[in-house]
N, C-alpha and C. Protein backbone atom coordinates (compact mmCIF):
# COMPACT_ATOMS: atom_id res chain seq x y z
N MET A 1 0.85 -1.18 0.00
CA MET A 1 0.00 0.00 0.00
C MET A 1 0.89 1.24 0.00
N LEU A 2 0.62 2.13 -0.93
CA LEU A 2 1.39 3.37 -1.01
C LEU A 2 0.85 4.38 -0.02
N THR A 3 1.72 5.13 0.57
CA THR A 3 1.29 6.17 1.49
C THR A 3 1.56 7.52 0.85
N GLU A 4 0.75 8.47 1.24
CA GLU A 4 0.91 9.81 0.72
C GLU A 4 2.10 10.47 1.40
N PRO A 5 2.95 11.17 0.65
CA PRO A 5 4.09 11.83 1.28
C PRO A 5 3.61 12.90 2.25
N ALA A 6 4.40 13.15 3.25
CA ALA A 6 4.06 14.19 4.22
C ALA A 6 3.97 15.52 3.50
N PRO A 7 3.06 16.42 3.94
CA PRO A 7 2.90 17.71 3.27
C PRO A 7 4.21 18.48 3.14
N GLN A 8 5.07 18.41 4.16
CA GLN A 8 6.34 19.14 4.09
C GLN A 8 7.22 18.56 3.00
N THR A 9 7.24 17.23 2.87
CA THR A 9 8.03 16.57 1.84
C THR A 9 7.51 16.94 0.46
N MET A 10 6.17 16.95 0.32
CA MET A 10 5.58 17.28 -0.96
C MET A 10 5.90 18.73 -1.32
N ARG A 11 5.77 19.65 -0.37
CA ARG A 11 6.07 21.06 -0.64
C ARG A 11 7.54 21.23 -1.01
N LEU A 12 8.42 20.54 -0.30
CA LEU A 12 9.84 20.65 -0.58
C LEU A 12 10.15 20.12 -1.97
N SER A 13 9.59 18.96 -2.34
CA SER A 13 9.87 18.41 -3.66
C SER A 13 9.25 19.28 -4.75
N LEU A 14 8.06 19.84 -4.52
CA LEU A 14 7.46 20.74 -5.50
C LEU A 14 8.30 22.00 -5.65
N THR A 15 8.74 22.55 -4.52
CA THR A 15 9.56 23.76 -4.57
C THR A 15 10.86 23.48 -5.29
N LEU A 16 11.51 22.37 -4.97
CA LEU A 16 12.76 22.01 -5.63
C LEU A 16 12.55 21.82 -7.12
N THR A 17 11.47 21.13 -7.49
CA THR A 17 11.17 20.91 -8.91
C THR A 17 10.94 22.24 -9.61
N LEU A 18 10.17 23.12 -8.99
CA LEU A 18 9.90 24.42 -9.60
C LEU A 18 11.18 25.24 -9.73
N LEU A 19 12.03 25.18 -8.71
CA LEU A 19 13.29 25.91 -8.79
C LEU A 19 14.16 25.38 -9.93
N LEU A 20 14.23 24.06 -10.03
CA LEU A 20 15.03 23.47 -11.11
C LEU A 20 14.45 23.80 -12.47
N LEU A 21 13.12 23.71 -12.60
CA LEU A 21 12.50 24.06 -13.87
C LEU A 21 12.69 25.54 -14.18
N GLY A 22 12.58 26.36 -13.16
CA GLY A 22 12.76 27.79 -13.35
C GLY A 22 14.16 28.13 -13.79
N ALA A 23 15.15 27.51 -13.19
CA ALA A 23 16.54 27.78 -13.55
C ALA A 23 16.84 27.28 -14.95
N TRP A 24 16.20 26.19 -15.34
CA TRP A 24 16.46 25.62 -16.65
C TRP A 24 15.65 26.31 -17.74
N GLY A 25 14.40 26.71 -17.41
CA GLY A 25 13.50 27.20 -18.44
C GLY A 25 13.51 28.69 -18.68
N ILE A 26 14.14 29.49 -17.81
CA ILE A 26 14.11 30.93 -18.00
C ILE A 26 15.44 31.36 -18.62
N PRO A 27 15.37 31.93 -19.82
CA PRO A 27 16.61 32.36 -20.45
C PRO A 27 17.23 33.53 -19.70
N ARG A 28 18.54 33.64 -19.84
CA ARG A 28 19.27 34.74 -19.19
C ARG A 28 18.91 36.06 -19.86
N GLY A 29 19.10 37.12 -19.11
CA GLY A 29 18.90 38.45 -19.67
C GLY A 29 17.46 38.92 -19.68
N LEU A 30 16.62 38.47 -18.73
CA LEU A 30 15.25 38.93 -18.70
C LEU A 30 15.11 40.27 -18.00
N GLY A 31 16.19 40.80 -17.53
CA GLY A 31 16.14 42.13 -16.93
C GLY A 31 15.45 42.13 -15.59
N ASP A 32 14.50 43.04 -15.45
CA ASP A 32 13.84 43.24 -14.17
C ASP A 32 12.58 42.39 -13.97
N ARG A 33 12.33 41.44 -14.82
CA ARG A 33 11.13 40.63 -14.69
C ARG A 33 11.16 39.80 -13.41
N ALA A 34 10.00 39.69 -12.79
CA ALA A 34 9.88 38.91 -11.56
C ALA A 34 9.92 37.43 -11.91
N PRO A 35 10.52 36.63 -11.06
CA PRO A 35 10.55 35.19 -11.33
C PRO A 35 9.14 34.60 -11.20
N LEU A 36 8.88 33.53 -11.95
CA LEU A 36 7.60 32.84 -11.87
C LEU A 36 7.60 31.98 -10.61
N THR A 37 6.50 32.05 -9.88
CA THR A 37 6.38 31.22 -8.68
C THR A 37 5.00 30.58 -8.67
N ALA A 38 4.92 29.46 -8.01
CA ALA A 38 3.64 28.77 -7.85
C ALA A 38 3.71 27.95 -6.58
N THR A 39 2.57 27.79 -5.95
CA THR A 39 2.49 26.95 -4.76
C THR A 39 1.39 25.92 -4.97
N ALA A 40 1.52 24.82 -4.29
CA ALA A 40 0.50 23.77 -4.37
C ALA A 40 -0.75 24.25 -3.66
N PRO A 41 -1.92 23.86 -4.14
CA PRO A 41 -3.15 24.23 -3.45
C PRO A 41 -3.18 23.65 -2.04
N GLN A 42 -3.67 24.42 -1.11
CA GLN A 42 -3.81 23.96 0.27
C GLN A 42 -5.17 23.27 0.39
N LEU A 43 -5.17 21.96 0.54
CA LEU A 43 -6.40 21.19 0.59
C LEU A 43 -6.96 21.16 2.01
N ASP A 44 -8.29 21.30 2.09
CA ASP A 44 -8.92 21.19 3.41
C ASP A 44 -9.13 19.71 3.74
N ASP A 45 -9.66 19.42 4.92
CA ASP A 45 -9.81 18.04 5.37
C ASP A 45 -10.71 17.22 4.45
N GLU A 46 -11.80 17.82 3.97
CA GLU A 46 -12.69 17.09 3.05
C GLU A 46 -11.95 16.72 1.77
N GLU A 47 -11.20 17.67 1.22
CA GLU A 47 -10.46 17.42 -0.02
C GLU A 47 -9.37 16.37 0.17
N LYS A 48 -8.79 16.31 1.36
CA LYS A 48 -7.73 15.34 1.63
C LYS A 48 -8.27 13.96 1.97
N TYR A 49 -9.30 13.88 2.82
CA TYR A 49 -9.64 12.62 3.44
C TYR A 49 -10.99 12.03 3.08
N SER A 50 -11.91 12.79 2.56
CA SER A 50 -13.24 12.27 2.26
C SER A 50 -13.17 11.20 1.17
N ALA A 51 -14.01 10.20 1.29
CA ALA A 51 -14.08 9.16 0.26
C ALA A 51 -14.87 9.66 -0.95
N HIS A 52 -15.62 10.73 -0.78
CA HIS A 52 -16.49 11.25 -1.83
C HIS A 52 -15.88 12.50 -2.48
N MET A 53 -16.36 12.79 -3.68
CA MET A 53 -15.92 13.99 -4.38
C MET A 53 -16.47 15.21 -3.64
N PRO A 54 -15.62 16.16 -3.25
CA PRO A 54 -16.12 17.38 -2.60
C PRO A 54 -17.13 18.10 -3.48
N ALA A 55 -18.15 18.67 -2.86
CA ALA A 55 -19.25 19.29 -3.59
C ALA A 55 -18.79 20.34 -4.59
N HIS A 56 -17.80 21.15 -4.22
CA HIS A 56 -17.36 22.24 -5.11
C HIS A 56 -16.57 21.74 -6.32
N LEU A 57 -16.25 20.44 -6.36
CA LEU A 57 -15.53 19.87 -7.51
C LEU A 57 -16.39 18.89 -8.31
N ARG A 58 -17.66 18.75 -7.95
CA ARG A 58 -18.52 17.77 -8.62
C ARG A 58 -18.82 18.11 -10.07
N CYS A 59 -18.94 19.37 -10.39
CA CYS A 59 -19.19 19.74 -11.78
C CYS A 59 -17.98 19.35 -12.64
N ASP A 60 -16.79 19.70 -12.18
CA ASP A 60 -15.58 19.32 -12.91
C ASP A 60 -15.47 17.81 -13.04
N ALA A 61 -15.79 17.08 -11.96
CA ALA A 61 -15.73 15.62 -11.99
C ALA A 61 -16.73 15.05 -12.99
N CYS A 62 -17.92 15.61 -13.02
CA CYS A 62 -18.94 15.16 -13.97
C CYS A 62 -18.47 15.39 -15.40
N ARG A 63 -17.91 16.55 -15.66
CA ARG A 63 -17.42 16.85 -17.01
C ARG A 63 -16.27 15.91 -17.39
N ALA A 64 -15.41 15.56 -16.44
CA ALA A 64 -14.31 14.63 -16.71
C ALA A 64 -14.87 13.24 -17.04
N VAL A 65 -15.87 12.81 -16.30
CA VAL A 65 -16.49 11.51 -16.55
C VAL A 65 -17.15 11.50 -17.92
N ALA A 66 -17.90 12.55 -18.25
CA ALA A 66 -18.57 12.62 -19.56
C ALA A 66 -17.53 12.57 -20.68
N TYR A 67 -16.44 13.29 -20.52
CA TYR A 67 -15.39 13.28 -21.54
C TYR A 67 -14.79 11.89 -21.71
N GLN A 68 -14.48 11.22 -20.60
CA GLN A 68 -13.86 9.90 -20.68
C GLN A 68 -14.82 8.87 -21.27
N MET A 69 -16.09 8.92 -20.92
CA MET A 69 -17.07 8.01 -21.52
C MET A 69 -17.16 8.25 -23.02
N TRP A 70 -17.27 9.51 -23.40
CA TRP A 70 -17.36 9.87 -24.81
C TRP A 70 -16.11 9.41 -25.56
N GLN A 71 -14.95 9.66 -24.98
CA GLN A 71 -13.68 9.30 -25.61
C GLN A 71 -13.57 7.79 -25.82
N HIS A 72 -13.88 7.00 -24.79
CA HIS A 72 -13.80 5.54 -24.89
C HIS A 72 -14.78 5.00 -25.94
N LEU A 73 -16.00 5.53 -25.95
CA LEU A 73 -17.00 5.07 -26.93
C LEU A 73 -16.60 5.48 -28.34
N ALA A 74 -16.07 6.69 -28.51
CA ALA A 74 -15.66 7.17 -29.84
C ALA A 74 -14.52 6.32 -30.39
N LYS A 75 -13.58 5.95 -29.54
CA LYS A 75 -12.47 5.09 -29.98
C LYS A 75 -12.97 3.72 -30.42
N ALA A 76 -13.92 3.16 -29.68
CA ALA A 76 -14.47 1.85 -30.04
C ALA A 76 -15.24 1.94 -31.36
N GLU A 77 -15.98 3.02 -31.57
CA GLU A 77 -16.71 3.20 -32.83
C GLU A 77 -15.75 3.39 -34.00
N ALA A 78 -14.65 4.09 -33.77
CA ALA A 78 -13.67 4.31 -34.83
C ALA A 78 -13.07 2.99 -35.31
N LYS A 79 -12.93 2.03 -34.40
CA LYS A 79 -12.40 0.73 -34.79
C LYS A 79 -13.37 -0.02 -35.70
N LEU A 80 -14.68 0.23 -35.53
CA LEU A 80 -15.69 -0.41 -36.38
C LEU A 80 -15.76 0.25 -37.76
N HIS A 81 -15.42 1.52 -37.80
CA HIS A 81 -15.54 2.30 -39.03
C HIS A 81 -14.41 1.92 -39.98
N THR A 82 -14.77 1.38 -41.11
CA THR A 82 -13.78 1.04 -42.13
C THR A 82 -14.08 1.81 -43.40
N ARG A 83 -13.16 1.80 -44.32
CA ARG A 83 -13.38 2.50 -45.60
C ARG A 83 -14.56 1.93 -46.35
N ASP A 84 -14.79 0.63 -46.24
CA ASP A 84 -15.87 -0.02 -46.98
C ASP A 84 -17.24 0.19 -46.35
N SER A 85 -17.29 0.47 -45.05
CA SER A 85 -18.59 0.57 -44.38
C SER A 85 -19.34 1.85 -44.74
N GLY A 86 -18.63 2.88 -45.16
CA GLY A 86 -19.27 4.11 -45.63
C GLY A 86 -19.72 5.05 -44.53
N GLY A 87 -20.04 4.60 -43.35
CA GLY A 87 -20.49 5.49 -42.29
C GLY A 87 -20.22 4.91 -40.92
N GLN A 88 -20.58 5.68 -39.94
CA GLN A 88 -20.36 5.27 -38.56
C GLN A 88 -21.29 4.12 -38.22
N GLN A 89 -20.77 3.08 -37.61
CA GLN A 89 -21.59 1.95 -37.21
C GLN A 89 -21.82 2.01 -35.71
N GLU A 90 -22.98 1.49 -35.31
CA GLU A 90 -23.30 1.47 -33.88
C GLU A 90 -22.63 0.28 -33.20
N LEU A 91 -22.27 0.50 -31.95
CA LEU A 91 -21.73 -0.58 -31.14
C LEU A 91 -22.88 -1.44 -30.64
N SER A 92 -22.63 -2.72 -30.48
CA SER A 92 -23.66 -3.59 -29.90
C SER A 92 -23.78 -3.26 -28.41
N GLU A 93 -24.92 -3.66 -27.82
CA GLU A 93 -25.16 -3.37 -26.42
C GLU A 93 -24.08 -3.97 -25.52
N SER A 94 -23.67 -5.19 -25.81
CA SER A 94 -22.65 -5.82 -24.97
C SER A 94 -21.31 -5.09 -25.07
N VAL A 95 -21.00 -4.56 -26.26
CA VAL A 95 -19.73 -3.83 -26.45
C VAL A 95 -19.77 -2.50 -25.72
N TYR A 96 -20.83 -1.70 -25.92
CA TYR A 96 -20.83 -0.39 -25.25
C TYR A 96 -20.98 -0.51 -23.74
N THR A 97 -21.60 -1.59 -23.27
CA THR A 97 -21.66 -1.83 -21.83
C THR A 97 -20.26 -2.08 -21.28
N ASP A 98 -19.49 -2.92 -21.97
CA ASP A 98 -18.10 -3.19 -21.55
C ASP A 98 -17.24 -1.93 -21.63
N ILE A 99 -17.41 -1.15 -22.70
CA ILE A 99 -16.61 0.08 -22.89
C ILE A 99 -16.90 1.06 -21.76
N LEU A 100 -18.16 1.22 -21.39
CA LEU A 100 -18.51 2.16 -20.31
C LEU A 100 -17.96 1.67 -18.97
N ASP A 101 -17.99 0.37 -18.74
CA ASP A 101 -17.39 -0.17 -17.51
C ASP A 101 -15.89 0.11 -17.49
N GLN A 102 -15.22 -0.06 -18.64
CA GLN A 102 -13.78 0.21 -18.74
C GLN A 102 -13.48 1.69 -18.50
N SER A 103 -14.36 2.57 -19.00
CA SER A 103 -14.11 4.00 -18.81
C SER A 103 -14.16 4.37 -17.33
N CYS A 104 -14.98 3.66 -16.54
CA CYS A 104 -15.06 3.94 -15.10
C CYS A 104 -13.92 3.29 -14.32
N SER A 105 -13.43 2.15 -14.80
CA SER A 105 -12.41 1.43 -14.04
C SER A 105 -10.98 1.78 -14.46
N GLN A 106 -10.81 2.76 -15.33
CA GLN A 106 -9.47 3.17 -15.75
C GLN A 106 -8.70 3.78 -14.57
N THR A 107 -7.46 4.12 -14.79
CA THR A 107 -6.61 4.64 -13.71
C THR A 107 -6.83 6.12 -13.42
N TRP A 108 -7.46 6.84 -14.30
CA TRP A 108 -7.73 8.27 -14.14
C TRP A 108 -6.45 9.08 -13.97
N GLN A 109 -5.38 8.64 -14.62
CA GLN A 109 -4.13 9.41 -14.59
C GLN A 109 -4.32 10.71 -15.36
N GLY A 110 -3.60 11.70 -14.95
CA GLY A 110 -3.69 12.99 -15.61
C GLY A 110 -4.72 13.92 -14.99
N TYR A 111 -5.45 13.44 -14.00
CA TYR A 111 -6.43 14.29 -13.31
C TYR A 111 -5.89 14.64 -11.92
N GLY A 112 -6.20 15.83 -11.50
CA GLY A 112 -5.79 16.28 -10.18
C GLY A 112 -6.42 17.62 -9.88
N VAL A 113 -5.95 18.25 -8.82
CA VAL A 113 -6.49 19.53 -8.38
C VAL A 113 -5.41 20.58 -8.46
N ARG A 114 -5.78 21.75 -8.94
CA ARG A 114 -4.89 22.90 -8.90
C ARG A 114 -5.73 24.12 -8.60
N GLU A 115 -5.04 25.17 -8.23
CA GLU A 115 -5.71 26.42 -7.89
C GLU A 115 -5.58 27.38 -9.06
N VAL A 116 -6.72 27.86 -9.55
CA VAL A 116 -6.76 28.81 -10.64
C VAL A 116 -7.53 30.03 -10.15
N ASN A 117 -6.88 31.18 -10.12
CA ASN A 117 -7.49 32.41 -9.62
C ASN A 117 -8.08 32.22 -8.23
N GLN A 118 -7.32 31.58 -7.37
CA GLN A 118 -7.67 31.33 -5.97
C GLN A 118 -8.90 30.44 -5.80
N VAL A 119 -9.22 29.65 -6.84
CA VAL A 119 -10.32 28.69 -6.77
C VAL A 119 -9.76 27.32 -7.11
N LYS A 120 -10.02 26.32 -6.26
CA LYS A 120 -9.54 24.97 -6.54
C LYS A 120 -10.42 24.35 -7.63
N ARG A 121 -9.76 23.77 -8.62
CA ARG A 121 -10.45 23.14 -9.74
C ARG A 121 -9.85 21.78 -10.02
N LEU A 122 -10.70 20.86 -10.42
CA LEU A 122 -10.24 19.57 -10.92
C LEU A 122 -9.77 19.82 -12.35
N THR A 123 -8.61 19.33 -12.69
CA THR A 123 -8.08 19.54 -14.03
C THR A 123 -7.62 18.22 -14.63
N GLY A 124 -7.58 18.18 -15.94
CA GLY A 124 -7.15 16.99 -16.65
C GLY A 124 -7.77 16.97 -18.03
N PRO A 125 -7.63 15.87 -18.75
CA PRO A 125 -8.16 15.77 -20.11
C PRO A 125 -9.65 16.09 -20.18
N GLY A 126 -10.01 16.96 -21.12
CA GLY A 126 -11.40 17.32 -21.33
C GLY A 126 -11.92 18.42 -20.44
N LEU A 127 -11.07 18.98 -19.58
CA LEU A 127 -11.54 19.98 -18.62
C LEU A 127 -11.04 21.39 -18.86
N SER A 128 -10.16 21.62 -19.81
CA SER A 128 -9.62 22.97 -19.97
C SER A 128 -10.68 23.86 -20.60
N LYS A 129 -10.95 24.96 -19.94
CA LYS A 129 -11.86 25.99 -20.44
C LYS A 129 -11.24 27.33 -20.11
N GLY A 130 -11.11 28.15 -21.11
CA GLY A 130 -10.55 29.47 -20.87
C GLY A 130 -9.04 29.45 -20.86
N PRO A 131 -8.45 30.61 -20.59
CA PRO A 131 -6.99 30.72 -20.61
C PRO A 131 -6.36 29.96 -19.46
N GLU A 132 -5.26 29.32 -19.75
CA GLU A 132 -4.52 28.59 -18.73
C GLU A 132 -3.57 29.55 -18.01
N PRO A 133 -3.35 29.33 -16.72
CA PRO A 133 -2.39 30.18 -16.01
C PRO A 133 -0.98 29.93 -16.53
N ASN A 134 -0.11 30.94 -16.39
CA ASN A 134 1.27 30.80 -16.85
C ASN A 134 1.98 29.64 -16.17
N ILE A 135 1.76 29.51 -14.87
CA ILE A 135 2.39 28.43 -14.11
C ILE A 135 1.45 28.03 -12.99
N SER A 136 1.35 26.74 -12.75
CA SER A 136 0.51 26.25 -11.66
C SER A 136 1.03 24.90 -11.21
N VAL A 137 0.59 24.49 -10.03
CA VAL A 137 0.98 23.20 -9.48
C VAL A 137 -0.30 22.36 -9.36
N MET A 138 -0.24 21.14 -9.88
CA MET A 138 -1.39 20.25 -9.82
C MET A 138 -1.06 19.09 -8.89
N ILE A 139 -1.99 18.77 -8.00
CA ILE A 139 -1.83 17.63 -7.10
C ILE A 139 -2.62 16.46 -7.71
N THR A 140 -1.91 15.37 -8.03
CA THR A 140 -2.54 14.21 -8.63
C THR A 140 -2.43 13.02 -7.67
N GLY A 141 -3.02 11.92 -8.07
CA GLY A 141 -2.94 10.71 -7.25
C GLY A 141 -3.78 10.84 -6.00
N GLY A 142 -3.36 10.18 -4.96
CA GLY A 142 -4.10 10.23 -3.70
C GLY A 142 -5.53 9.75 -3.88
N PRO A 143 -6.50 10.51 -3.37
CA PRO A 143 -7.89 10.07 -3.44
C PRO A 143 -8.58 10.37 -4.78
N TRP A 144 -7.97 11.17 -5.63
CA TRP A 144 -8.66 11.64 -6.83
C TRP A 144 -9.04 10.53 -7.81
N PRO A 145 -8.18 9.57 -8.14
CA PRO A 145 -8.60 8.51 -9.05
C PRO A 145 -9.79 7.70 -8.53
N THR A 146 -9.79 7.37 -7.24
CA THR A 146 -10.89 6.60 -6.66
C THR A 146 -12.18 7.42 -6.69
N ARG A 147 -12.09 8.69 -6.37
CA ARG A 147 -13.27 9.54 -6.39
C ARG A 147 -13.85 9.66 -7.80
N LEU A 148 -12.98 9.80 -8.80
CA LEU A 148 -13.46 9.89 -10.18
C LEU A 148 -14.09 8.58 -10.63
N SER A 149 -13.50 7.47 -10.25
CA SER A 149 -14.07 6.17 -10.59
C SER A 149 -15.44 5.99 -9.93
N MET A 150 -15.56 6.36 -8.67
CA MET A 150 -16.85 6.27 -7.97
C MET A 150 -17.89 7.19 -8.60
N THR A 151 -17.48 8.38 -9.00
CA THR A 151 -18.39 9.32 -9.66
C THR A 151 -18.87 8.72 -10.97
N CYS A 152 -17.96 8.14 -11.73
CA CYS A 152 -18.29 7.51 -13.00
C CYS A 152 -19.30 6.38 -12.79
N LEU A 153 -19.04 5.51 -11.83
CA LEU A 153 -19.95 4.40 -11.55
C LEU A 153 -21.31 4.90 -11.08
N HIS A 154 -21.32 6.00 -10.34
CA HIS A 154 -22.59 6.61 -9.90
C HIS A 154 -23.44 7.00 -11.11
N TYR A 155 -22.83 7.68 -12.08
CA TYR A 155 -23.58 8.10 -13.27
C TYR A 155 -24.00 6.91 -14.11
N LEU A 156 -23.17 5.91 -14.18
CA LEU A 156 -23.50 4.69 -14.92
C LEU A 156 -24.73 4.02 -14.31
N GLY A 157 -24.78 3.97 -12.98
CA GLY A 157 -25.93 3.40 -12.30
C GLY A 157 -27.17 4.26 -12.40
N GLU A 158 -26.98 5.57 -12.34
CA GLU A 158 -28.12 6.49 -12.36
C GLU A 158 -28.80 6.52 -13.72
N PHE A 159 -28.03 6.57 -14.80
CA PHE A 159 -28.60 6.74 -16.13
C PHE A 159 -28.67 5.44 -16.93
N GLY A 160 -27.79 4.51 -16.68
CA GLY A 160 -27.77 3.25 -17.43
C GLY A 160 -27.01 3.39 -18.73
N GLU A 161 -26.47 2.26 -19.18
CA GLU A 161 -25.63 2.24 -20.37
C GLU A 161 -26.39 2.66 -21.63
N ASP A 162 -27.68 2.23 -21.76
CA ASP A 162 -28.44 2.53 -22.98
C ASP A 162 -28.63 4.04 -23.15
N GLN A 163 -29.05 4.71 -22.08
CA GLN A 163 -29.30 6.15 -22.14
C GLN A 163 -27.99 6.92 -22.37
N ILE A 164 -26.92 6.47 -21.75
CA ILE A 164 -25.62 7.13 -21.94
C ILE A 164 -25.14 6.97 -23.37
N TYR A 165 -25.30 5.76 -23.94
CA TYR A 165 -24.86 5.54 -25.32
C TYR A 165 -25.71 6.35 -26.31
N GLU A 166 -27.01 6.44 -26.07
CA GLU A 166 -27.87 7.27 -26.93
C GLU A 166 -27.42 8.73 -26.91
N ALA A 167 -27.11 9.25 -25.73
CA ALA A 167 -26.63 10.63 -25.62
C ALA A 167 -25.28 10.77 -26.32
N HIS A 168 -24.41 9.79 -26.17
CA HIS A 168 -23.09 9.81 -26.83
C HIS A 168 -23.25 9.94 -28.34
N GLN A 169 -24.22 9.22 -28.91
CA GLN A 169 -24.43 9.26 -30.36
C GLN A 169 -24.84 10.64 -30.85
N GLN A 170 -25.37 11.46 -29.96
CA GLN A 170 -25.76 12.83 -30.33
C GLN A 170 -24.59 13.81 -30.19
N GLY A 171 -23.48 13.36 -29.60
CA GLY A 171 -22.30 14.21 -29.47
C GLY A 171 -21.87 14.39 -28.02
N ARG A 172 -20.66 14.86 -27.88
CA ARG A 172 -20.08 15.03 -26.54
C ARG A 172 -20.89 16.00 -25.69
N GLU A 173 -21.37 17.08 -26.29
CA GLU A 173 -22.16 18.07 -25.53
C GLU A 173 -23.44 17.45 -25.00
N ALA A 174 -24.09 16.59 -25.80
CA ALA A 174 -25.33 15.94 -25.37
C ALA A 174 -25.06 14.99 -24.19
N LEU A 175 -23.95 14.29 -24.25
CA LEU A 175 -23.60 13.39 -23.15
C LEU A 175 -23.32 14.18 -21.88
N GLU A 176 -22.58 15.28 -22.01
CA GLU A 176 -22.30 16.12 -20.84
C GLU A 176 -23.59 16.72 -20.29
N ALA A 177 -24.50 17.13 -21.18
CA ALA A 177 -25.78 17.69 -20.73
C ALA A 177 -26.60 16.65 -19.97
N LEU A 178 -26.60 15.40 -20.45
CA LEU A 178 -27.34 14.33 -19.77
C LEU A 178 -26.79 14.12 -18.36
N LEU A 179 -25.48 13.95 -18.26
CA LEU A 179 -24.88 13.63 -16.97
C LEU A 179 -24.83 14.81 -16.01
N CYS A 180 -24.51 15.99 -16.53
CA CYS A 180 -24.17 17.13 -15.66
C CYS A 180 -25.22 18.23 -15.65
N GLY A 181 -26.10 18.26 -16.64
CA GLY A 181 -27.06 19.36 -16.77
C GLY A 181 -28.34 19.09 -16.00
N GLY A 182 -29.35 19.84 -16.36
CA GLY A 182 -30.65 19.70 -15.69
C GLY A 182 -30.66 20.40 -14.36
N PRO A 183 -31.85 20.56 -13.80
CA PRO A 183 -31.98 21.30 -12.53
C PRO A 183 -31.25 20.64 -11.36
N GLN A 184 -31.10 19.33 -11.38
CA GLN A 184 -30.42 18.64 -10.27
C GLN A 184 -29.01 18.20 -10.66
N GLY A 185 -28.54 18.58 -11.85
CA GLY A 185 -27.23 18.15 -12.33
C GLY A 185 -26.09 18.78 -11.55
N ALA A 186 -24.95 18.15 -11.60
CA ALA A 186 -23.77 18.62 -10.86
C ALA A 186 -23.32 20.00 -11.30
N CYS A 187 -23.63 20.39 -12.53
CA CYS A 187 -23.19 21.70 -13.03
C CYS A 187 -24.30 22.75 -13.01
N SER A 188 -25.43 22.42 -12.39
CA SER A 188 -26.52 23.38 -12.27
C SER A 188 -26.17 24.41 -11.21
N GLU A 189 -26.48 25.65 -11.49
CA GLU A 189 -26.20 26.74 -10.54
C GLU A 189 -27.01 26.56 -9.26
N GLU A 190 -28.21 25.98 -9.38
CA GLU A 190 -29.08 25.86 -8.20
C GLU A 190 -28.91 24.55 -7.47
N THR A 191 -27.96 23.71 -7.88
CA THR A 191 -27.82 22.40 -7.26
C THR A 191 -27.55 22.54 -5.76
N PRO A 192 -28.48 22.06 -4.93
CA PRO A 192 -28.23 22.13 -3.50
C PRO A 192 -27.28 21.01 -3.10
N VAL A 193 -26.52 21.25 -2.05
CA VAL A 193 -25.65 20.21 -1.50
C VAL A 193 -26.52 19.32 -0.65
N THR A 194 -26.65 18.06 -1.07
CA THR A 194 -27.50 17.13 -0.33
C THR A 194 -26.63 16.11 0.40
N LYS A 195 -27.30 15.28 1.16
CA LYS A 195 -26.57 14.26 1.88
C LYS A 195 -26.15 13.11 0.98
N THR A 196 -26.73 13.03 -0.21
CA THR A 196 -26.33 11.99 -1.15
C THR A 196 -24.98 12.36 -1.71
N GLU A 197 -24.01 11.54 -1.46
CA GLU A 197 -22.63 11.82 -1.90
C GLU A 197 -22.36 11.07 -3.18
N LEU A 198 -21.50 11.66 -4.01
CA LEU A 198 -21.06 10.98 -5.24
C LEU A 198 -19.87 10.15 -4.94
């Protein structure tokens, strides 16, 4: 079982890494420009220890799940598409059921939390919106892969493979709208924080 490094060790290694990258990546002769600095987001107890996705990150988590489901299904459909078939072919129910299960049980590498404009955000594939900060520190691993997998399985159970695949066929936006939109969706402005955890 892997243990999480102590916060001091993590800060020291992040600082050392940033210093090394800064020394290597900044050309000489920049004059009076201030050096680039970044610090790791300070996670609260819920963000560190809760088994569930924190409420303020659920919209990002939902969007990440929708992207990964869409991506896995699109790759499987591309394998069916040949020059002779002429058009996109549908996946069989058993295939898209397996693909959706695989999308939830993946390792979720590349996802983590960083602070953007003093707001903690889940970041990773399919989540970039707007301008990226010049420099930032992302915390990956730890509880985030398990939380994303649990969130994915929650949506799979809530909507079912058939409804998710139908939305996928209408496009990535339709799939994200199904999972994350609506009055009770994770990305709804009015979504109340309930006792039901993702």
